[in-house]
Amino acid sequence: MNDSTTPRHQLVLGQILHFLSDPGEHDAADSYQYFPDGALWIVDGHIADVGAWQDLQARIPAAVRGAAEVFDYTGKLVLPGLIDTHCHYPQSGIIASFGRQLLDWLNDYTFPAEAAFSDPAVGAATADYFVERMLAHGTTTASVFSTVHPESVDAFMASAKKHHLRMLTGKVMMDRHAPANLMDTVADAERDCLALIERWHGQGRLRYSITPRFAPTSSPAQLALAGELYHSLPDLHVQSHLAENPDEIAWVGELFPHCRDYLDVYSHYGLLGPRTIYGHCIHLAPVEIEEMASTGSAAAFCPTSNLFLGSGFFNHPAASDAGIRVGLATDVGGGTSFSLIRTLGEAYKVSQLHQRPLPPLRAWFLATLGGAQALYLEKFIGNFMPGKEADFVVLDPCATPELDFRLKGGEGLAERLFAMMILGDERCVKATHIMGKLAFQS
């Protein structure tokens, strides 16, 4: 057993895949590394080396190899942990509520569910459930909405810290056009956010996100406060919603007649830039796409939610062509599961409607390094480059009879990845590791 001064060494054997950049639509050869008989060398929870096992054996001292904890996942696919760039943990209990359009769905299901989070016990129980399900689905990092109640942030952060996760969340800011029991004030939001930032931001692997729900539910004064908070520290994040539904967009136009469009509302209040991410981004005008790219603002692609609520089809090819950072997201509970693997399958279907189908390598990039880049966390996570935090997921491409039958011919990497994103789900997740340590095993 290691003492506090002895480095903790781990060796992970398996089919190692990680991305160095976006493979694009033609599987750029220099965008990824795949080692069919590969290994990770992890030291104190960080990647020390990655490569073919035969090569790593020559680079790792014999004494280290002999003392290391070994995880043998031979025949399984080892990828960086999956990254969910937009989800609502308080909505875990309303997944599979009968679908309506966005604004009706908020009033009928979301707001009543979130009202219960004034009770810290509800927050604690839901946060623990949500975190456990994330790990079971192979998700190791997420950009998460809490509720207007500061207690909901405390509950989620405490659960995430207990599991040593790299997670982001923030108190929802909402001072108008919502039920009275879910509204704060500008003064409340300032007081609560400052206290929560002090309490949680930078604690372990946790980050705080300034979280105005969306433009219609925050007054101009509250949006101005959100912009001031975002710029008050160099590494705070922002998350909100943008251009999800035509009725929502029309409402924004009525509420903010002085702004050019929906995105311009956030621009006007200083809420665009690095470490900002907006969910959905379906109905964007060309000028909005251009401004998101030029400011470094990111988009969260939520295909299951967009299909479920009939919101529309995010144009991932257009966003990528423009240079927008894009991550994948489940949305929960507007989405239909916790699974980013299932979400990849829906992303492919949406891309087909734009007549530019999402190739499998690019899809899995979106779920890993692409998500890290969208959240501006690629310094820490997203691939297996030396120094990165060793969060990873172990996948069985033949986890179900259907997958096993489909892949019995020993197909190549891209075909296996595609079959898994179309036929696969959480049953493919054999293990999830956080900072090298086993956090889930099926």
Protein backbone atom coordinates (compact mmCIF):
# COMPACT_ATOMS: atom_id res chain seq x y z
CA MET A 1 0.00 0.00 0.00
CA ASN A 2 1.41 3.39 -1.03
CA ASP A 3 2.15 6.03 1.55
CA SER A 4 1.45 9.70 0.87
CA THR A 5 4.87 10.31 -0.69
CA THR A 6 5.01 7.27 -2.97
CA PRO A 7 3.67 7.84 -6.51
CA ARG A 8 0.64 5.73 -7.40
CA HIS A 9 1.26 3.92 -10.69
CA GLN A 10 -1.44 2.29 -12.80
CA LEU A 11 -1.29 0.48 -16.10
CA VAL A 12 -4.39 0.17 -18.28
CA LEU A 13 -4.29 -2.34 -21.13
CA GLY A 14 -6.77 -2.32 -24.01
CA GLN A 15 -7.61 -0.85 -27.39
CA ILE A 16 -6.70 2.77 -26.75
CA LEU A 17 -8.37 5.52 -28.81
CA HIS A 18 -8.10 9.26 -28.32
CA PHE A 19 -8.27 12.38 -30.44
CA LEU A 20 -5.76 15.14 -31.03
CA SER A 21 -8.07 17.33 -33.13
CA ASP A 22 -11.34 17.24 -35.07
CA PRO A 23 -11.13 14.42 -37.66
CA GLY A 24 -13.54 16.35 -39.89
CA GLU A 25 -15.63 14.55 -42.47
CA HIS A 26 -12.71 12.64 -43.97
CA ASP A 27 -11.08 11.02 -40.90
CA ALA A 28 -7.87 13.07 -40.94
CA ALA A 29 -5.11 10.60 -40.13
CA ASP A 30 -3.24 12.98 -37.81
CA SER A 31 -6.37 13.78 -35.76
CA TYR A 32 -6.40 10.65 -33.61
CA GLN A 33 -4.29 7.83 -32.23
CA TYR A 34 -5.46 4.24 -32.05
CA PHE A 35 -3.43 1.49 -30.41
CA PRO A 36 -5.13 -1.92 -30.88
CA ASP A 37 -2.77 -3.44 -28.32
CA GLY A 38 -2.28 -0.29 -26.30
CA ALA A 39 -1.70 0.92 -22.78
CA LEU A 40 -2.01 3.94 -20.53
CA TRP A 41 0.59 4.64 -17.86
CA ILE A 42 -1.02 6.70 -15.10
CA VAL A 43 0.88 8.31 -12.24
CA ASP A 44 -1.05 9.88 -9.36
CA GLY A 45 -4.20 10.17 -11.44
CA HIS A 46 -2.58 11.82 -14.47
CA ILE A 47 -1.49 10.41 -17.81
CA ALA A 48 2.24 9.78 -17.90
CA ASP A 49 2.37 8.01 -21.28
CA VAL A 50 0.19 6.36 -23.90
CA GLY A 51 1.03 4.08 -26.78
CA ALA A 52 1.44 0.50 -27.92
CA TRP A 53 1.96 -1.77 -24.92
CA GLN A 54 5.15 -3.18 -26.42
CA ASP A 55 6.61 0.33 -26.72
CA LEU A 56 5.46 1.40 -23.25
CA GLN A 57 7.08 -1.61 -21.64
CA ALA A 58 10.42 -0.38 -22.94
CA ARG A 59 9.80 3.13 -21.55
CA ILE A 60 8.51 2.19 -18.09
CA PRO A 61 11.10 1.09 -15.51
CA ALA A 62 10.80 -2.57 -14.60
CA ALA A 63 10.33 -1.73 -10.91
CA VAL A 64 7.40 0.52 -11.77
CA ARG A 65 5.79 -2.13 -13.96
CA GLY A 66 6.15 -4.64 -11.18
CA ALA A 67 4.57 -2.39 -8.54
CA ALA A 68 1.82 -0.84 -10.68
CA GLU A 69 -1.88 -1.58 -10.33
CA VAL A 70 -2.92 -3.21 -13.60
CA PHE A 71 -6.34 -3.01 -15.26
CA ASP A 72 -6.46 -5.50 -18.10
CA TYR A 73 -9.18 -4.49 -20.57
CA THR A 74 -7.79 -6.48 -23.47
CA GLY A 75 -10.35 -6.64 -26.28
CA LYS A 76 -12.23 -3.61 -24.98
CA LEU A 77 -12.09 -0.03 -26.24
CA VAL A 78 -10.61 2.56 -23.86
CA LEU A 79 -11.53 6.19 -24.58
CA PRO A 80 -11.31 9.43 -22.60
CA GLY A 81 -14.33 9.95 -20.38
CA LEU A 82 -17.44 11.20 -22.18
CA ILE A 83 -18.33 14.88 -21.73
CA ASP A 84 -21.91 16.17 -21.53
CA THR A 85 -21.89 19.89 -22.31
CA HIS A 86 -25.46 20.77 -21.29
CA CYS A 87 -27.80 19.03 -18.85
CA HIS A 88 -30.19 19.74 -15.97
CA TYR A 89 -29.73 17.45 -12.98
CA PRO A 90 -32.98 18.60 -11.25
CA GLN A 91 -34.92 17.30 -14.26
CA SER A 92 -33.77 13.71 -13.74
CA GLY A 93 -37.23 12.78 -12.50
CA ILE A 94 -39.15 14.18 -15.47
CA ILE A 95 -37.41 12.35 -18.30
CA ALA A 96 -40.13 10.71 -20.43
CA SER A 97 -42.82 13.24 -19.58
CA PHE A 98 -45.25 13.61 -22.47
CA GLY A 99 -43.63 15.93 -25.00
CA ARG A 100 -44.91 19.42 -25.70
CA GLN A 101 -43.31 22.46 -27.22
CA LEU A 102 -40.55 24.08 -25.19
CA LEU A 103 -42.43 26.84 -23.36
CA ASP A 104 -45.38 24.59 -22.45
CA TRP A 105 -42.98 21.87 -21.34
CA LEU A 106 -41.20 24.28 -19.00
CA ASN A 107 -44.45 25.36 -17.36
CA ASP A 108 -46.04 21.91 -17.19
CA TYR A 109 -43.09 19.83 -16.01
CA THR A 110 -39.82 21.66 -15.43
CA PHE A 111 -40.88 24.43 -13.10
CA PRO A 112 -42.95 22.17 -10.79
CA ALA A 113 -40.07 19.69 -10.58
CA GLU A 114 -37.52 22.38 -9.79
CA ALA A 115 -39.66 23.90 -7.03
CA ALA A 116 -38.98 20.82 -4.88
CA PHE A 117 -35.29 21.71 -4.69
CA SER A 118 -35.93 24.26 -1.98
CA ASP A 119 -35.62 21.14 0.20
CA PRO A 120 -31.90 20.29 0.57
CA ALA A 121 -32.76 16.61 1.02
CA VAL A 122 -34.34 16.51 -2.45
CA GLY A 123 -31.24 18.09 -3.93
CA ALA A 124 -28.88 15.70 -2.17
CA ALA A 125 -30.80 12.58 -3.20
CA THR A 126 -31.19 13.72 -6.81
CA ALA A 127 -27.57 14.82 -7.12
CA ASP A 128 -26.32 11.44 -5.88
CA TYR A 129 -28.62 9.63 -8.30
CA PHE A 130 -27.60 11.85 -11.21
CA VAL A 131 -23.86 11.45 -10.55
CA GLU A 132 -24.18 7.68 -10.20
CA ARG A 133 -26.09 7.46 -13.49
CA MET A 134 -23.55 9.68 -15.25
CA LEU A 135 -20.76 7.32 -14.22
CA ALA A 136 -22.79 4.28 -15.26
CA HIS A 137 -23.19 5.84 -18.71
CA GLY A 138 -19.48 6.65 -19.04
CA THR A 139 -19.86 10.41 -18.54
CA THR A 140 -17.08 11.88 -16.41
CA THR A 141 -17.60 15.63 -16.89
CA ALA A 142 -20.73 17.70 -17.46
CA SER A 143 -21.90 21.30 -17.60
CA VAL A 144 -24.90 21.07 -15.29
CA PHE A 145 -27.80 23.38 -14.46
CA SER A 146 -28.96 23.40 -10.85
CA THR A 147 -32.08 25.37 -9.81
CA VAL A 148 -32.65 28.87 -8.50
CA HIS A 149 -32.03 27.55 -4.98
CA PRO A 150 -28.42 27.84 -3.78
CA GLU A 151 -28.98 24.61 -1.85
CA SER A 152 -29.27 22.78 -5.16
CA VAL A 153 -25.76 23.89 -6.10
CA ASP A 154 -24.41 22.80 -2.73
CA ALA A 155 -26.00 19.38 -3.19
CA PHE A 156 -24.56 18.82 -6.67
CA MET A 157 -21.10 20.13 -5.85
CA ALA A 158 -20.90 18.00 -2.71
CA SER A 159 -21.82 14.86 -4.64
CA ALA A 160 -19.39 15.64 -7.46
CA LYS A 161 -16.58 16.39 -5.01
CA LYS A 162 -17.21 13.11 -3.21
CA HIS A 163 -16.47 11.31 -6.48
CA HIS A 164 -13.52 13.62 -7.36
CA LEU A 165 -15.23 14.67 -10.59
CA ARG A 166 -14.42 17.56 -12.88
CA MET A 167 -17.86 19.17 -13.02
CA LEU A 168 -19.43 22.58 -13.58
CA THR A 169 -22.69 23.95 -12.27
CA GLY A 170 -24.31 27.16 -11.13
CA LYS A 171 -27.41 28.57 -9.51
CA VAL A 172 -30.09 29.42 -12.05
CA MET A 173 -30.71 33.18 -12.24
CA MET A 174 -34.38 33.89 -12.95
CA ASP A 175 -36.15 37.04 -11.78
CA ARG A 176 -39.16 37.27 -14.12
CA HIS A 177 -41.62 35.23 -16.23
CA ALA A 178 -41.50 32.25 -13.90
CA PRO A 179 -43.50 30.97 -10.92
CA ALA A 180 -43.05 33.11 -7.82
CA ASN A 181 -41.49 30.22 -5.89
CA LEU A 182 -38.75 29.92 -8.52
CA MET A 183 -37.79 33.56 -8.92
CA ASP A 184 -34.94 35.38 -7.28
CA THR A 185 -34.03 39.07 -7.47
CA VAL A 186 -30.93 40.80 -8.75
CA ALA A 187 -29.77 41.25 -5.16
CA ASP A 188 -30.51 37.61 -4.29
CA ALA A 189 -28.65 36.39 -7.35
CA GLU A 190 -25.60 38.51 -6.59
CA ARG A 191 -25.46 37.43 -2.95
CA ASP A 192 -26.01 33.75 -3.69
CA CYS A 193 -23.63 33.55 -6.66
CA LEU A 194 -20.80 35.28 -4.83
CA ALA A 195 -21.20 32.96 -1.85
CA LEU A 196 -21.35 29.86 -4.06
CA ILE A 197 -18.32 30.94 -6.09
CA GLU A 198 -16.38 31.42 -2.87
CA ARG A 199 -17.54 28.07 -1.53
CA TRP A 200 -17.09 25.87 -4.60
CA HIS A 201 -15.23 27.41 -7.53
CA GLY A 202 -11.82 25.78 -7.80
CA GLN A 203 -12.49 23.35 -4.97
CA GLY A 204 -10.90 20.13 -6.15
CA ARG A 205 -11.88 19.77 -9.80
CA LEU A 206 -15.06 21.86 -9.57
CA ARG A 207 -15.87 25.00 -11.57
CA TYR A 208 -18.69 27.50 -11.19
CA SER A 209 -20.89 28.54 -14.13
CA ILE A 210 -22.86 31.78 -14.18
CA THR A 211 -26.31 30.47 -15.16
CA PRO A 212 -29.06 32.80 -16.35
CA ARG A 213 -31.70 30.28 -17.45
CA PHE A 214 -32.36 32.06 -20.72
CA ALA A 215 -32.85 35.67 -21.74
CA PRO A 216 -36.65 35.83 -21.21
CA THR A 217 -36.48 34.86 -17.53
CA SER A 218 -33.86 37.42 -16.55
CA SER A 219 -34.42 41.16 -16.46
CA PRO A 220 -31.92 43.45 -18.15
CA ALA A 221 -30.51 44.27 -14.71
CA GLN A 222 -29.99 40.59 -13.91
CA LEU A 223 -28.35 39.89 -17.26
CA ALA A 224 -26.04 42.83 -16.63
CA LEU A 225 -25.16 41.30 -13.25
CA ALA A 226 -24.45 37.95 -14.94
CA GLY A 227 -22.02 39.67 -17.30
CA GLU A 228 -20.29 41.43 -14.42
CA LEU A 229 -19.92 38.16 -12.50
CA TYR A 230 -18.52 36.38 -15.58
CA HIS A 231 -15.79 39.01 -15.94
CA SER A 232 -15.03 39.19 -12.22
CA LEU A 233 -12.68 36.19 -12.27
CA PRO A 234 -10.51 34.87 -15.11
CA ASP A 235 -11.84 31.31 -15.09
CA LEU A 236 -15.57 31.49 -14.40
CA HIS A 237 -17.90 29.90 -16.93
CA VAL A 238 -21.30 30.87 -18.38
CA GLN A 239 -24.09 28.54 -19.50
CA SER A 240 -27.55 29.33 -20.84
CA HIS A 241 -29.93 28.59 -23.72
CA LEU A 242 -30.09 30.08 -27.19
CA ALA A 243 -32.40 29.87 -30.21
CA GLU A 244 -34.06 26.59 -29.27
CA ASN A 245 -37.63 27.28 -30.42
CA PRO A 246 -39.29 29.77 -32.82
CA ASP A 247 -41.80 30.95 -30.22
CA GLU A 248 -38.96 31.52 -27.75
CA ILE A 249 -37.08 33.59 -30.34
CA ALA A 250 -40.14 35.72 -31.04
CA TRP A 251 -40.59 36.30 -27.31
CA VAL A 252 -36.98 37.42 -26.97
CA GLY A 253 -37.57 39.90 -29.80
CA GLU A 254 -40.53 41.39 -27.93
CA LEU A 255 -38.64 41.62 -24.64
CA PHE A 256 -35.42 43.05 -26.08
CA PRO A 257 -36.46 45.21 -29.07
CA HIS A 258 -33.20 47.15 -28.90
CA CYS A 259 -31.16 44.03 -29.74
CA ARG A 260 -30.44 42.75 -33.25
CA ASP A 261 -31.37 39.14 -32.46
CA TYR A 262 -31.29 36.56 -29.68
CA LEU A 263 -27.50 36.26 -29.56
CA ASP A 264 -27.16 40.03 -29.46
CA VAL A 265 -28.97 40.03 -26.11
CA TYR A 266 -26.16 38.01 -24.58
CA SER A 267 -23.57 40.08 -26.41
CA HIS A 268 -25.13 43.31 -25.13
CA TYR A 269 -24.73 42.15 -21.53
CA GLY A 270 -21.18 40.83 -21.88
CA LEU A 271 -22.07 37.15 -21.93
CA LEU A 272 -20.16 35.99 -25.00
CA GLY A 273 -16.57 34.80 -25.07
CA PRO A 274 -14.31 32.01 -23.84
CA ARG A 275 -15.88 29.59 -21.35
CA THR A 276 -19.43 30.48 -22.44
CA ILE A 277 -21.66 27.74 -23.83
CA TYR A 278 -25.22 27.90 -25.07
CA GLY A 279 -27.57 24.96 -25.34
CA HIS A 280 -29.39 24.11 -28.61
CA CYS A 281 -28.47 27.01 -30.99
CA ILE A 282 -30.84 25.60 -33.61
CA HIS A 283 -32.34 28.65 -35.30
CA LEU A 284 -29.34 30.93 -35.75
CA ALA A 285 -29.01 33.57 -38.44
CA PRO A 286 -25.70 33.72 -40.34
CA VAL A 287 -24.62 36.80 -38.40
CA GLU A 288 -25.19 34.94 -35.12
CA ILE A 289 -23.12 31.98 -36.32
CA GLU A 290 -20.33 34.34 -37.32
CA GLU A 291 -20.40 36.14 -33.96
CA MET A 292 -20.39 32.94 -31.93
CA ALA A 293 -17.30 31.81 -33.82
CA SER A 294 -15.48 35.14 -33.58
CA THR A 295 -16.09 35.48 -29.84
CA GLY A 296 -15.16 31.89 -29.00
CA SER A 297 -18.64 31.14 -27.64
CA ALA A 298 -19.56 27.45 -27.77
CA ALA A 299 -22.70 25.52 -28.72
CA ALA A 300 -24.09 22.41 -27.04
CA PHE A 301 -25.65 20.01 -29.57
CA CYS A 302 -28.69 18.38 -27.90
CA PRO A 303 -30.23 16.14 -30.58
CA THR A 304 -32.40 13.92 -28.39
CA SER A 305 -34.01 16.93 -26.72
CA ASN A 306 -34.43 18.82 -29.97
CA LEU A 307 -36.20 15.86 -31.57
CA PHE A 308 -38.28 15.06 -28.47
CA LEU A 309 -39.63 18.60 -28.12
CA GLY A 310 -39.89 19.14 -31.87
CA SER A 311 -37.56 22.13 -31.63
CA GLY A 312 -35.61 21.62 -34.85
CA PHE A 313 -32.32 20.33 -36.20
CA PHE A 314 -29.02 21.85 -35.07
CA ASN A 315 -26.78 22.44 -38.07
CA HIS A 316 -23.54 20.93 -36.82
CA PRO A 317 -21.81 21.09 -40.24
CA ALA A 318 -22.50 24.83 -40.55
CA ALA A 319 -21.36 25.50 -36.99
CA SER A 320 -18.16 23.51 -37.49
CA ASP A 321 -17.46 25.12 -40.85
CA ALA A 322 -17.72 28.53 -39.17
CA GLY A 323 -15.29 27.50 -36.43
CA ILE A 324 -17.72 27.34 -33.50
CA ARG A 325 -16.68 25.06 -30.68
CA VAL A 326 -19.36 22.35 -30.42
CA GLY A 327 -19.94 19.73 -27.75
CA LEU A 328 -22.51 16.97 -27.43
CA ALA A 329 -25.24 17.07 -24.77
CA THR A 330 -28.09 14.97 -23.38
CA ASP A 331 -30.04 17.97 -21.96
CA VAL A 332 -31.82 15.77 -19.34
CA GLY A 333 -34.78 15.90 -18.94
CA GLY A 334 -35.83 17.44 -22.24
CA GLY A 335 -33.59 14.73 -23.64
CA THR A 336 -34.46 11.07 -23.52
CA SER A 337 -31.62 9.44 -21.57
CA PHE A 338 -28.36 9.97 -19.71
CA SER A 339 -26.47 8.20 -22.49
CA LEU A 340 -24.11 10.11 -24.75
CA ILE A 341 -23.75 6.91 -26.78
CA ARG A 342 -27.47 6.99 -27.61
CA THR A 343 -27.16 10.73 -28.18
CA LEU A 344 -24.50 10.12 -30.83
CA GLY A 345 -26.97 8.00 -32.77
CA GLU A 346 -29.50 10.83 -32.77
CA ALA A 347 -26.81 13.33 -33.76
CA TYR A 348 -26.10 11.20 -36.80
CA LYS A 349 -29.76 11.23 -37.82
CA VAL A 350 -29.96 15.02 -37.46
CA SER A 351 -26.82 15.41 -39.56
CA GLN A 352 -28.39 13.29 -42.30
CA LEU A 353 -31.18 15.87 -42.58
CA HIS A 354 -28.50 18.44 -43.43
CA GLN A 355 -27.16 16.00 -46.06
CA ARG A 356 -23.76 15.88 -44.35
CA PRO A 357 -23.80 12.72 -42.26
CA LEU A 358 -21.70 12.72 -39.10
CA PRO A 359 -18.82 10.25 -39.52
CA PRO A 360 -18.10 7.98 -36.54
CA LEU A 361 -14.63 9.29 -35.74
CA ARG A 362 -15.88 12.86 -35.71
CA ALA A 363 -18.84 11.78 -33.58
CA TRP A 364 -16.65 10.26 -30.86
CA PHE A 365 -14.40 13.32 -31.03
CA LEU A 366 -17.51 15.41 -30.22
CA ALA A 367 -18.20 13.25 -27.17
CA THR A 368 -14.63 13.53 -25.84
CA LEU A 369 -12.09 16.16 -26.88
CA GLY A 370 -14.72 18.24 -28.69
CA GLY A 371 -16.69 18.53 -25.46
CA ALA A 372 -13.56 19.47 -23.52
CA GLN A 373 -12.79 22.19 -26.06
CA ALA A 374 -16.38 23.48 -25.96
CA LEU A 375 -16.06 23.85 -22.18
CA TYR A 376 -12.50 25.23 -22.40
CA LEU A 377 -11.26 22.34 -20.29
CA GLU A 378 -8.96 20.72 -22.86
CA LYS A 379 -5.96 21.66 -20.69
CA PHE A 380 -7.21 19.10 -18.16
CA ILE A 381 -9.30 16.46 -19.95
CA GLY A 382 -10.44 15.22 -23.35
CA ASN A 383 -7.59 13.00 -24.48
CA PHE A 384 -4.66 10.95 -23.19
CA MET A 385 -1.83 13.39 -23.74
CA PRO A 386 0.76 13.33 -20.90
CA GLY A 387 -0.25 15.50 -17.98
CA LYS A 388 -4.00 15.21 -18.56
CA GLU A 389 -6.29 13.95 -15.83
CA ALA A 390 -6.88 10.23 -16.25
CA ASP A 391 -10.66 10.05 -16.65
CA PHE A 392 -11.61 7.27 -19.06
CA VAL A 393 -14.35 4.88 -20.06
CA VAL A 394 -14.06 1.22 -21.09
CA LEU A 395 -16.47 0.14 -23.82
CA ASP A 396 -17.40 -3.29 -25.10
CA PRO A 397 -18.29 -2.92 -28.81
CA CYS A 398 -20.01 -6.33 -28.69
CA ALA A 399 -21.94 -5.79 -25.47
CA THR A 400 -25.31 -6.86 -26.85
CA PRO A 401 -26.32 -9.79 -29.08
CA GLU A 402 -27.21 -7.31 -31.82
CA LEU A 403 -23.79 -5.65 -31.72
CA ASP A 404 -22.02 -8.98 -31.43
CA PHE A 405 -23.84 -10.33 -34.48
CA ARG A 406 -23.29 -7.11 -36.43
CA LEU A 407 -19.55 -7.08 -35.73
CA LYS A 408 -18.77 -10.78 -35.97
CA GLY A 409 -16.73 -10.16 -39.12
CA GLY A 410 -14.01 -8.24 -37.28
CA GLU A 411 -14.73 -4.88 -38.93
CA GLY A 412 -12.35 -1.93 -38.73
CA LEU A 413 -12.30 0.83 -36.13
CA ALA A 414 -14.64 3.28 -37.87
CA GLU A 415 -17.25 0.64 -38.57
CA ARG A 416 -17.16 -0.61 -34.97
CA LEU A 417 -17.51 2.95 -33.67
CA PHE A 418 -20.45 3.57 -35.97
CA ALA A 419 -22.22 0.35 -35.04
CA MET A 420 -21.81 1.19 -31.36
CA MET A 421 -23.28 4.69 -31.73
CA ILE A 422 -26.30 3.35 -33.65
CA LEU A 423 -26.95 0.05 -31.82
CA GLY A 424 -25.17 0.72 -28.53
CA ASP A 425 -26.10 2.31 -25.24
CA GLU A 426 -25.02 2.21 -21.60
CA ARG A 427 -24.76 -1.58 -21.78
CA CYS A 428 -21.52 -1.01 -23.69
CA VAL A 429 -19.98 0.69 -20.62
CA LYS A 430 -17.92 -1.90 -18.79
CA ALA A 431 -16.03 0.49 -16.51
CA THR A 432 -15.57 4.18 -15.77
CA HIS A 433 -12.40 5.50 -14.13
CA ILE A 434 -11.90 8.85 -12.45
CA MET A 435 -8.31 10.05 -12.05
CA GLY A 436 -7.31 6.48 -12.73
CA LYS A 437 -9.46 4.97 -9.99
CA LEU A 438 -12.32 2.61 -10.79
CA ALA A 439 -15.59 4.49 -10.20
CA PHE A 440 -18.07 2.21 -11.96
CA GLN A 441 -17.99 -1.38 -13.19
CA SER A 442 -20.80 -3.33 -14.85
